PDB file of N, CA and C in Angstrom:
ATOM      1  N   MET A   1     -96.211   9.486 111.720  1.00  0.00           N
ATOM      2  CA  MET A   1     -94.712   9.217 110.905  1.00  0.00           C
ATOM      3  C   MET A   1     -94.467   7.448 110.578  1.00  0.00           C
ATOM      4  N   GLU A   2     -94.449   7.255 109.474  1.00  0.00           N
ATOM      5  CA  GLU A   2     -94.381   5.614 109.375  1.00  0.00           C
ATOM      6  C   GLU A   2     -92.734   5.390 109.165  1.00  0.00           C
ATOM      7  N   ALA A   3     -91.775   4.540 109.988  1.00  0.00           N
ATOM      8  CA  ALA A   3     -90.621   4.010 109.603  1.00  0.00           C
ATOM      9  C   ALA A   3     -90.594   2.844 108.005  1.00  0.00           C
ATOM     10  N   ARG A   4     -89.684   3.342 107.421  1.00  0.00           N
ATOM     11  CA  ARG A   4     -89.586   2.733 105.742  1.00  0.00           C
ATOM     12  C   ARG A   4     -88.504   1.486 106.738  1.00  0.00           C
ATOM     13  N   ALA A   5     -87.442   1.398 107.652  1.00  0.00           N
ATOM     14  CA  ALA A   5     -86.833   0.107 107.928  1.00  0.00           C
ATOM     15  C   ALA A   5     -85.989   0.660 109.094  1.00  0.00           C
ATOM     16  N   GLU A   6     -85.765  -0.694 110.021  1.00  0.00           N
ATOM     17  CA  GLU A   6     -85.246  -0.261 111.522  1.00  0.00           C
ATOM     18  C   GLU A   6     -83.728  -0.397 111.145  1.00  0.00           C
ATOM     19  N   SER A   7     -83.382   0.347 112.095  1.00  0.00           N
ATOM     20  CA  SER A   7     -82.023   0.764 111.794  1.00  0.00           C
ATOM     21  C   SER A   7     -81.114  -0.829 112.863  1.00  0.00           C
ATOM     22  N   GLU A   8     -79.734  -1.151 111.355  1.00  0.00           N
ATOM     23  CA  GLU A   8     -78.920  -1.790 112.659  1.00  0.00           C
ATOM     24  C   GLU A   8     -78.782  -1.970 113.480  1.00  0.00           C
ATOM     25  N   CYS A   9     -78.872  -0.670 113.930  1.00  0.00           N
ATOM     26  CA  CYS A   9     -78.259  -0.989 115.339  1.00  0.00           C
ATOM     27  C   CYS A   9     -79.458  -1.021 116.640  1.00  0.00           C
ATOM     28  N   GLY A  10     -80.722  -1.060 115.651  1.00  0.00           N
ATOM     29  CA  GLY A  10     -81.818  -1.559 116.654  1.00  0.00           C
ATOM     30  C   GLY A  10     -81.898  -0.677 117.773  1.00  0.00           C
ATOM     31  N   GLN A  11     -81.756  -0.926 119.025  1.00  0.00           N
ATOM     32  CA  GLN A  11     -82.321  -0.497 120.638  1.00  0.00           C
ATOM     33  C   GLN A  11     -81.332   0.313 120.801  1.00  0.00           C
ATOM     34  N   LEU A  12     -81.476   1.822 120.948  1.00  0.00           N
ATOM     35  CA  LEU A  12     -80.214   1.997 121.389  1.00  0.00           C
ATOM     36  C   LEU A  12     -81.028   2.731 123.403  1.00  0.00           C
ATOM     37  N   ILE A  13     -79.846   2.473 124.420  1.00  0.00           N
ATOM     38  CA  ILE A  13     -79.791   2.553 125.600  1.00  0.00           C
ATOM     39  C   ILE A  13     -79.227   3.352 125.748  1.00  0.00           C
ATOM     40  N   SER A  14     -79.183   4.130 127.032  1.00  0.00           N
ATOM     41  CA  SER A  14     -78.331   5.178 127.664  1.00  0.00           C
ATOM     42  C   SER A  14     -78.698   6.440 126.663  1.00  0.00           C
ATOM     43  N   TRP A  15     -79.184   6.798 126.244  1.00  0.00           N
ATOM     44  CA  TRP A  15     -79.853   7.994 125.007  1.00  0.00           C
ATOM     45  C   TRP A  15     -79.998   9.030 125.957  1.00  0.00           C
ATOM     46  N   GLY A  16     -79.819   9.907 124.754  1.00  0.00           N
ATOM     47  CA  GLY A  16     -80.513  11.329 125.430  1.00  0.00           C
ATOM     48  C   GLY A  16     -80.848  11.928 123.882  1.00  0.00           C
ATOM     49  N   LEU A  17     -81.631  12.960 124.144  1.00  0.00           N
ATOM     50  CA  LEU A  17     -81.902  14.036 122.559  1.00  0.00           C
ATOM     51  C   LEU A  17     -80.992  15.050 123.005  1.00  0.00           C
ATOM     52  N   PHE A  18     -81.131  16.177 121.337  1.00  0.00           N
ATOM     53  CA  PHE A  18     -80.369  16.778 121.543  1.00  0.00           C
ATOM     54  C   PHE A  18     -80.943  17.779 120.169  1.00  0.00           C
ATOM     55  N   GLU A  19     -80.528  19.055 120.193  1.00  0.00           N
ATOM     56  CA  GLU A  19     -81.129  19.394 119.137  1.00  0.00           C
ATOM     57  C   GLU A  19     -80.033  20.600 118.565  1.00  0.00           C
ATOM     58  N   VAL A  20     -79.798  20.614 117.218  1.00  0.00           N
ATOM     59  CA  VAL A  20     -78.398  21.643 116.957  1.00  0.00           C
ATOM     60  C   VAL A  20     -79.433  23.183 116.918  1.00  0.00           C
ATOM     61  N   ILE A  21     -78.379  23.825 117.591  1.00  0.00           N
ATOM     62  CA  ILE A  21     -78.946  25.456 117.555  1.00  0.00           C
ATOM     63  C   ILE A  21     -79.238  26.112 116.627  1.00  0.00           C
ATOM     64  N   GLU A  22     -78.660  25.713 115.338  1.00  0.00           N
ATOM     65  CA  GLU A  22     -78.162  26.685 114.183  1.00  0.00           C
ATOM     66  C   GLU A  22     -79.470  25.990 113.062  1.00  0.00           C
ATOM     67  N   THR A  23     -80.226  24.825 113.380  1.00  0.00           N
ATOM     68  CA  THR A  23     -80.945  24.669 112.068  1.00  0.00           C
ATOM     69  C   THR A  23     -82.149  23.810 112.891  1.00  0.00           C
ATOM     70  N   GLY A  24     -82.324  24.119 114.054  1.00  0.00           N
ATOM     71  CA  GLY A  24     -83.677  23.310 115.200  1.00  0.00           C
ATOM     72  C   GLY A  24     -83.510  21.533 115.026  1.00  0.00           C
ATOM     73  N   ALA A  25     -82.815  21.476 113.919  1.00  0.00           N
ATOM     74  CA  ALA A  25     -82.528  19.705 114.042  1.00  0.00           C
ATOM     75  C   ALA A  25     -82.074  18.905 115.420  1.00  0.00           C
ATOM     76  N   LYS A  26     -83.002  18.064 115.210  1.00  0.00           N
ATOM     77  CA  LYS A  26     -83.225  16.851 116.645  1.00  0.00           C
ATOM     78  C   LYS A  26     -82.336  15.794 116.502  1.00  0.00           C
ATOM     79  N   HIS A  27     -81.524  15.522 116.948  1.00  0.00           N
ATOM     80  CA  HIS A  27     -80.914  13.905 117.021  1.00  0.00           C
ATOM     81  C   HIS A  27     -80.901  13.458 118.176  1.00  0.00           C
ATOM     82  N   ILE A  28     -80.584  12.208 118.367  1.00  0.00           N
ATOM     83  CA  ILE A  28     -80.793  11.209 119.854  1.00  0.00           C
ATOM     84  C   ILE A  28     -79.193  10.723 119.266  1.00  0.00           C
ATOM     85  N   ILE A  29     -78.685  10.539 120.493  1.00  0.00           N
ATOM     86  CA  ILE A  29     -77.204  10.019 121.101  1.00  0.00           C
ATOM     87  C   ILE A  29     -77.712   8.934 121.813  1.00  0.00           C
ATOM     88  N   GLY A  30     -77.175   7.772 121.229  1.00  0.00           N
ATOM     89  CA  GLY A  30     -77.548   6.269 122.528  1.00  0.00           C
ATOM     90  C   GLY A  30     -76.329   5.225 122.231  1.00  0.00           C
ATOM     91  N   HIS A  31     -76.708   4.384 123.210  1.00  0.00           N
ATOM     92  CA  HIS A  31     -75.430   3.549 123.332  1.00  0.00           C
ATOM     93  C   HIS A  31     -76.245   1.862 122.745  1.00  0.00           C
ATOM     94  N   ALA A  32     -75.727   2.011 121.371  1.00  0.00           N
ATOM     95  CA  ALA A  32     -76.744   0.625 120.642  1.00  0.00           C
ATOM     96  C   ALA A  32     -75.812  -1.008 121.316  1.00  0.00           C
ATOM     97  N   SER A  33     -76.519  -1.066 121.958  1.00  0.00           N
ATOM     98  CA  SER A  33     -76.556  -2.371 122.753  1.00  0.00           C
ATOM     99  C   SER A  33     -75.947  -3.717 121.666  1.00  0.00           C
ATOM    100  N   ALA A  34     -76.990  -3.644 120.214  1.00  0.00           N
ATOM    101  CA  ALA A  34     -76.461  -4.797 119.664  1.00  0.00           C
ATOM    102  C   ALA A  34     -74.503  -4.487 119.021  1.00  0.00           C
ATOM    103  N   PHE A  35     -74.129  -3.569 119.022  1.00  0.00           N
ATOM    104  CA  PHE A  35     -72.577  -3.609 118.607  1.00  0.00           C
ATOM    105  C   PHE A  35     -71.718  -3.282 119.546  1.00  0.00           C
ATOM    106  N   GLY A  36     -72.320  -2.239 120.602  1.00  0.00           N
ATOM    107  CA  GLY A  36     -71.203  -2.022 121.389  1.00  0.00           C
ATOM    108  C   GLY A  36     -70.792  -0.974 121.760  1.00  0.00           C
ATOM    109  N   PHE A  37     -71.486   0.069 120.793  1.00  0.00           N
ATOM    110  CA  PHE A  37     -70.594   1.453 120.537  1.00  0.00           C
ATOM    111  C   PHE A  37     -71.891   2.548 120.887  1.00  0.00           C
ATOM    112  N   ASP A  38     -71.595   3.886 120.667  1.00  0.00           N
ATOM    113  CA  ASP A  38     -72.533   4.810 120.890  1.00  0.00           C
ATOM    114  C   ASP A  38     -72.911   4.976 119.297  1.00  0.00           C
ATOM    115  N   VAL A  39     -74.225   5.511 118.990  1.00  0.00           N
ATOM    116  CA  VAL A  39     -74.374   6.196 117.715  1.00  0.00           C
ATOM    117  C   VAL A  39     -74.923   7.810 117.853  1.00  0.00           C
ATOM    118  N   ILE A  40     -74.832   8.553 116.775  1.00  0.00           N
ATOM    119  CA  ILE A  40     -75.528   9.674 116.626  1.00  0.00           C
ATOM    120  C   ILE A  40     -76.637   9.259 115.437  1.00  0.00           C
ATOM    121  N   THR A  41     -78.229   9.667 115.451  1.00  0.00           N
ATOM    122  CA  THR A  41     -78.945   8.908 114.939  1.00  0.00           C
ATOM    123  C   THR A  41     -78.910  10.580 113.783  1.00  0.00           C
ATOM    124  N   GLN A  42     -79.422  10.257 112.385  1.00  0.00           N
ATOM    125  CA  GLN A  42     -80.036  11.202 111.618  1.00  0.00           C
ATOM    126  C   GLN A  42     -81.180  12.203 112.191  1.00  0.00           C
ATOM    127  N   GLU A  43     -81.135  13.369 111.041  1.00  0.00           N
ATOM    128  CA  GLU A  43     -82.420  14.460 112.500  1.00  0.00           C
ATOM    129  C   GLU A  43     -83.133  13.655 111.897  1.00  0.00           C
ATOM    130  N   LEU A  44     -83.966  13.872 113.602  1.00  0.00           N
ATOM    131  CA  LEU A  44     -85.487  13.047 113.685  1.00  0.00           C
ATOM    132  C   LEU A  44     -86.937  13.689 113.117  1.00  0.00           C
ATOM    133  N   ALA A  45     -87.461  12.847 112.643  1.00  0.00           N
ATOM    134  CA  ALA A  45     -88.782  13.357 112.261  1.00  0.00           C
ATOM    135  C   ALA A  45     -90.111  13.156 113.480  1.00  0.00           C
ATOM    136  N   HIS A  46     -89.797  12.457 113.975  1.00  0.00           N
ATOM    137  CA  HIS A  46     -90.777  11.767 115.143  1.00  0.00           C
ATOM    138  C   HIS A  46     -89.957  11.013 116.432  1.00  0.00           C
ATOM    139  N   ILE A  47     -90.432  11.490 117.862  1.00  0.00           N
ATOM    140  CA  ILE A  47     -89.872  10.686 118.837  1.00  0.00           C
ATOM    141  C   ILE A  47     -90.963   9.811 119.895  1.00  0.00           C
ATOM    142  N   ASP A  48     -91.102   8.807 120.304  1.00  0.00           N
ATOM    143  CA  ASP A  48     -91.947   8.988 121.021  1.00  0.00           C
ATOM    144  C   ASP A  48     -91.991   8.536 122.252  1.00  0.00           C
ATOM    145  N   PHE A  49     -91.924   8.704 123.628  1.00  0.00           N
ATOM    146  CA  PHE A  49     -91.053   7.962 124.222  1.00  0.00           C
ATOM    147  C   PHE A  49     -92.388   8.116 126.017  1.00  0.00           C
ATOM    148  N   ASN A  50     -92.273   6.817 126.405  1.00  0.00           N
ATOM    149  CA  ASN A  50     -93.169   6.641 127.233  1.00  0.00           C
ATOM    150  C   ASN A  50     -92.381   6.981 128.950  1.00  0.00           C
ATOM    151  N   ALA A  51     -92.578   7.325 129.638  1.00  0.00           N
ATOM    152  CA  ALA A  51     -91.377   7.764 131.091  1.00  0.00           C
ATOM    153  C   ALA A  51     -92.141   6.673 132.154  1.00  0.00           C
ATOM    154  N   LYS A  52     -93.064   5.985 131.614  1.00  0.00           N
ATOM    155  CA  LYS A  52     -93.913   4.888 133.146  1.00  0.00           C
ATOM    156  C   LYS A  52     -92.982   3.505 132.342  1.00  0.00           C
ATOM    157  N   THR A  53     -92.904   3.142 131.147  1.00  0.00           N
ATOM    158  CA  THR A  53     -92.669   1.895 130.682  1.00  0.00           C
ATOM    159  C   THR A  53     -91.011   2.452 130.795  1.00  0.00           C
ATOM    160  N   LYS A  54     -90.420   3.492 130.070  1.00  0.00           N
ATOM    161  CA  LYS A  54     -89.311   3.691 129.681  1.00  0.00           C
ATOM    162  C   LYS A  54     -88.789   3.175 128.729  1.00  0.00           C
ATOM    163  N   SER A  55     -89.691   3.133 128.015  1.00  0.00           N
ATOM    164  CA  SER A  55     -89.371   2.921 125.968  1.00  0.00           C
ATOM    165  C   SER A  55     -90.290   3.584 125.454  1.00  0.00           C
ATOM    166  N   GLY A  56     -89.620   3.576 124.117  1.00  0.00           N
ATOM    167  CA  GLY A  56     -89.858   4.696 122.790  1.00  0.00           C
ATOM    168  C   GLY A  56     -89.508   4.417 121.767  1.00  0.00           C
ATOM    169  N   ILE A  57     -90.088   5.212 120.626  1.00  0.00           N
ATOM    170  CA  ILE A  57     -89.535   5.076 119.382  1.00  0.00           C
ATOM    171  C   ILE A  57     -88.850   6.365 118.888  1.00  0.00           C
ATOM    172  N   ALA A  58     -87.911   6.187 117.713  1.00  0.00           N
ATOM    173  CA  ALA A  58     -87.665   7.490 117.281  1.00  0.00           C
ATOM    174  C   ALA A  58     -87.515   6.890 115.981  1.00  0.00           C
ATOM    175  N   VAL A  59     -87.866   7.622 114.963  1.00  0.00           N
ATOM    176  CA  VAL A  59     -87.827   7.829 113.509  1.00  0.00           C
ATOM    177  C   VAL A  59     -87.021   8.868 112.870  1.00  0.00           C
ATOM    178  N   THR A  60     -86.256   8.659 111.722  1.00  0.00           N
ATOM    179  CA  THR A  60     -85.432   9.498 111.495  1.00  0.00           C
ATOM    180  C   THR A  60     -86.420  10.442 110.207  1.00  0.00           C
ATOM    181  N   LYS A  61     -85.745  11.904 109.834  1.00  0.00           N
ATOM    182  CA  LYS A  61     -86.585  12.352 108.324  1.00  0.00           C
ATOM    183  C   LYS A  61     -86.561  10.747 107.490  1.00  0.00           C
ATOM    184  N   THR A  62     -85.525  10.238 106.776  1.00  0.00           N
ATOM    185  CA  THR A  62     -84.943   9.069 105.882  1.00  0.00           C
ATOM    186  C   THR A  62     -85.504   8.145 106.730  1.00  0.00           C
ATOM    187  N   GLY A  63     -87.083   7.717 107.485  1.00  0.00           N
ATOM    188  CA  GLY A  63     -87.557   6.642 107.951  1.00  0.00           C
ATOM    189  C   GLY A  63     -86.999   5.649 108.536  1.00  0.00           C
ATOM    190  N   ILE A  64     -85.665   6.153 109.120  1.00  0.00           N
ATOM    191  CA  ILE A  64     -84.955   4.502 110.106  1.00  0.00           C
ATOM    192  C   ILE A  64     -85.655   4.567 111.545  1.00  0.00           C
ATOM    193  N   LEU A  65     -85.898   3.617 111.937  1.00  0.00           N
ATOM    194  CA  LEU A  65     -86.985   3.099 113.134  1.00  0.00           C
ATOM    195  C   LEU A  65     -85.543   2.749 113.803  1.00  0.00           C
ATOM    196  N   TYR A  66     -85.853   3.548 115.385  1.00  0.00           N
ATOM    197  CA  TYR A  66     -84.732   3.304 116.404  1.00  0.00           C
ATOM    198  C   TYR A  66     -85.850   3.350 117.501  1.00  0.00           C
ATOM    199  N   HIS A  67     -85.345   1.953 118.487  1.00  0.00           N
ATOM    200  CA  HIS A  67     -86.070   1.851 119.701  1.00  0.00           C
ATOM    201  C   HIS A  67     -85.479   1.993 120.730  1.00  0.00           C
ATOM    202  N   LEU A  68     -85.948   2.926 121.733  1.00  0.00           N
ATOM    203  CA  LEU A  68     -85.425   3.433 122.506  1.00  0.00           C
ATOM    204  C   LEU A  68     -85.416   2.989 124.223  1.00  0.00           C
ATOM    205  N   HIS A  69     -84.989   2.524 124.628  1.00  0.00           N
ATOM    206  CA  HIS A  69     -84.629   1.752 126.092  1.00  0.00           C
ATOM    207  C   HIS A  69     -84.345   2.500 126.982  1.00  0.00           C
ATOM    208  N   GLY A  70     -85.147   2.971 128.249  1.00  0.00           N
ATOM    209  CA  GLY A  70     -84.071   3.006 129.343  1.00  0.00           C
ATOM    210  C   GLY A  70     -84.299   4.883 129.439  1.00  0.00           C
ATOM    211  N   LYS A  71     -84.749   5.384 131.066  1.00  0.00           N
ATOM    212  CA  LYS A  71     -84.359   6.589 131.188  1.00  0.00           C
ATOM    213  C   LYS A  71     -83.474   7.509 129.900  1.00  0.00           C
ATOM    214  N   PRO A  72     -84.143   8.700 129.419  1.00  0.00           N
ATOM    215  CA  PRO A  72     -82.954   9.722 129.183  1.00  0.00           C
ATOM    216  C   PRO A  72     -81.986   9.701 130.022  1.00  0.00           C
ATOM    217  N   LEU A  73     -80.998  10.050 129.592  1.00  0.00           N
ATOM    218  CA  LEU A  73     -79.579  10.477 130.259  1.00  0.00           C
ATOM    219  C   LEU A  73     -79.390  11.711 130.132  1.00  0.00           C
ATOM    220  N   LYS A  74     -78.948  12.572 130.811  1.00  0.00           N
ATOM    221  CA  LYS A  74     -78.329  14.156 130.607  1.00  0.00           C
ATOM    222  C   LYS A  74     -76.394  14.119 130.017  1.00  0.00           C
ATOM    223  N   PHE A  75     -76.327  14.571 129.509  1.00  0.00           N
ATOM    224  CA  PHE A  75     -74.992  14.942 129.016  1.00  0.00           C
ATOM    225  C   PHE A  75     -74.932  15.805 128.193  1.00  0.00           C
ATOM    226  N   GLY A  76     -73.165  16.121 127.964  1.00  0.00           N
ATOM    227  CA  GLY A  76     -72.507  17.325 127.517  1.00  0.00           C
ATOM    228  C   GLY A  76     -71.559  16.998 126.393  1.00  0.00           C
ATOM    229  N   VAL A  77     -71.186  18.179 125.596  1.00  0.00           N
ATOM    230  CA  VAL A  77     -70.416  18.389 124.461  1.00  0.00           C
ATOM    231  C   VAL A  77     -69.004  17.940 125.226  1.00  0.00           C
ATOM    232  N   LYS A  78     -68.795  18.157 126.547  1.00  0.00           N
ATOM    233  CA  LYS A  78     -67.235  18.259 126.702  1.00  0.00           C
ATOM    234  C   LYS A  78     -66.829  16.320 127.296  1.00  0.00           C
ATOM    235  N   GLY A  79     -67.742  15.808 127.401  1.00  0.00           N
ATOM    236  CA  GLY A  79     -67.926  15.049 128.195  1.00  0.00           C
ATOM    237  C   GLY A  79     -67.704  13.659 127.253  1.00  0.00           C
ATOM    238  N   HIS A  80     -68.028  13.583 125.669  1.00  0.00           N
ATOM    239  CA  HIS A  80     -68.532  12.412 124.961  1.00  0.00           C
ATOM    240  C   HIS A  80     -67.660  13.139 123.668  1.00  0.00           C
ATOM    241  N   HIS A  81     -66.535  12.321 123.409  1.00  0.00           N
ATOM    242  CA  HIS A  81     -65.937  12.469 121.887  1.00  0.00           C
ATOM    243  C   HIS A  81     -66.587  12.594 120.916  1.00  0.00           C
ATOM    244  N   GLN A  82     -67.714  11.788 120.857  1.00  0.00           N
ATOM    245  CA  GLN A  82     -68.471  11.754 119.285  1.00  0.00           C
ATOM    246  C   GLN A  82     -69.782  13.171 119.191  1.00  0.00           C
ATOM    247  N   LEU A  83     -69.864  13.466 120.263  1.00  0.00           N
ATOM    248  CA  LEU A  83     -70.486  15.021 120.497  1.00  0.00           C
ATOM    249  C   LEU A  83     -69.712  15.923 120.021  1.00  0.00           C
ATOM    250  N   ARG A  84     -68.725  16.063 120.836  1.00  0.00           N
ATOM    251  CA  ARG A  84     -67.305  16.954 120.040  1.00  0.00           C
ATOM    252  C   ARG A  84     -67.268  16.980 118.725  1.00  0.00           C
ATOM    253  N   ASP A  85     -67.006  15.681 118.289  1.00  0.00           N
ATOM    254  CA  ASP A  85     -66.399  15.399 116.916  1.00  0.00           C
ATOM    255  C   ASP A  85     -68.026  15.918 115.962  1.00  0.00           C
ATOM    256  N   PHE A  86     -69.019  15.891 116.286  1.00  0.00           N
ATOM    257  CA  PHE A  86     -70.556  16.147 115.832  1.00  0.00           C
ATOM    258  C   PHE A  86     -70.366  18.067 115.676  1.00  0.00           C
ATOM    259  N   VAL A  87     -70.120  18.257 116.551  1.00  0.00           N
ATOM    260  CA  VAL A  87     -70.038  19.684 116.531  1.00  0.00           C
ATOM    261  C   VAL A  87     -68.871  20.565 115.586  1.00  0.00           C
ATOM    262  N   ASP A  88     -67.635  19.699 116.087  1.00  0.00           N
ATOM    263  CA  ASP A  88     -66.865  20.318 115.181  1.00  0.00           C
ATOM    264  C   ASP A  88     -67.039  20.034 113.490  1.00  0.00           C
ATOM    265  N   ILE A  89     -67.583  19.047 113.355  1.00  0.00           N
ATOM    266  CA  ILE A  89     -67.285  18.444 112.006  1.00  0.00           C
ATOM    267  C   ILE A  89     -68.812  19.816 110.899  1.00  0.00           C
ATOM    268  N   HIS A  90     -69.832  19.440 112.515  1.00  0.00           N
ATOM    269  CA  HIS A  90     -70.770  20.807 111.462  1.00  0.00           C
ATOM    270  C   HIS A  90     -71.260  22.119 111.969  1.00  0.00           C
ATOM    271  N   GLN A  91     -69.379  22.438 112.568  1.00  0.00           N
ATOM    272  CA  GLN A  91     -69.777  23.517 113.132  1.00  0.00           C
ATOM    273  C   GLN A  91     -71.137  24.416 113.300  1.00  0.00           C
ATOM    274  N   CYS A  92     -71.739  23.240 114.741  1.00  0.00           N
ATOM    275  CA  CYS A  92     -72.651  23.847 115.534  1.00  0.00           C
ATOM    276  C   CYS A  92     -73.157  24.080 116.926  1.00  0.00           C
ATOM    277  N   THR A  93     -73.713  24.543 117.322  1.00  0.00           N
ATOM    278  CA  THR A  93     -73.916  24.740 119.257  1.00  0.00           C
ATOM    279  C   THR A  93     -75.027  23.576 119.287  1.00  0.00           C
ATOM    280  N   ILE A  94     -74.770  23.086 120.219  1.00  0.00           N
ATOM    281  CA  ILE A  94     -76.280  21.900 120.711  1.00  0.00           C
ATOM    282  C   ILE A  94     -76.601  21.979 122.223  1.00  0.00           C
ATOM    283  N   LYS A  95     -77.476  21.919 122.326  1.00  0.00           N
ATOM    284  CA  LYS A  95     -78.215  22.036 123.609  1.00  0.00           C
ATOM    285  C   LYS A  95     -79.095  20.607 124.124  1.00  0.00           C
ATOM    286  N   VAL A  96     -78.791  20.562 124.981  1.00  0.00           N
ATOM    287  CA  VAL A  96     -79.518  18.951 125.262  1.00  0.00           C
ATOM    288  C   VAL A  96     -81.521  18.899 125.336  1.00  0.00           C
ATOM    289  N   LEU A  97     -82.075  18.605 125.400  1.00  0.00           N
ATOM    290  CA  LEU A  97     -83.834  18.450 125.596  1.00  0.00           C
ATOM    291  C   LEU A  97     -83.867  17.398 126.768  1.00  0.00           C
ATOM    292  N   LYS A  98     -84.693  18.058 126.830  1.00  0.00           N
ATOM    293  CA  LYS A  98     -86.213  16.835 127.689  1.00  0.00           C
ATOM    294  C   LYS A  98     -86.899  16.250 126.896  1.00  0.00           C
ATOM    295  N   VAL A  99     -86.868  15.086 127.461  1.00  0.00           N
ATOM    296  CA  VAL A  99     -87.899  14.173 126.553  1.00  0.00           C
ATOM    297  C   VAL A  99     -89.175  14.264 127.421  1.00  0.00           C
TER     298      VAL A  99
END
């Protein structure tokens, strides 16, 4: 998958991958170091992560590229307000995925 544009958020650290159970759509939630806040990506088309270098990329279905840095984290809906909002807005359930 070729990216059309790099995300304004650039690099995501303290990140994790999750799936919307009802649709199978995969998303990343991560801290955008350039802006100082967490973001949830649009639906992913591709993710490539190297566990040895702890770096990778994710590309959304709309062609936006995110750089991933650091080991993926485990997280839960209850502990993160953006995930709670995501679940409420989309009326869905999510599950954390291993990368």
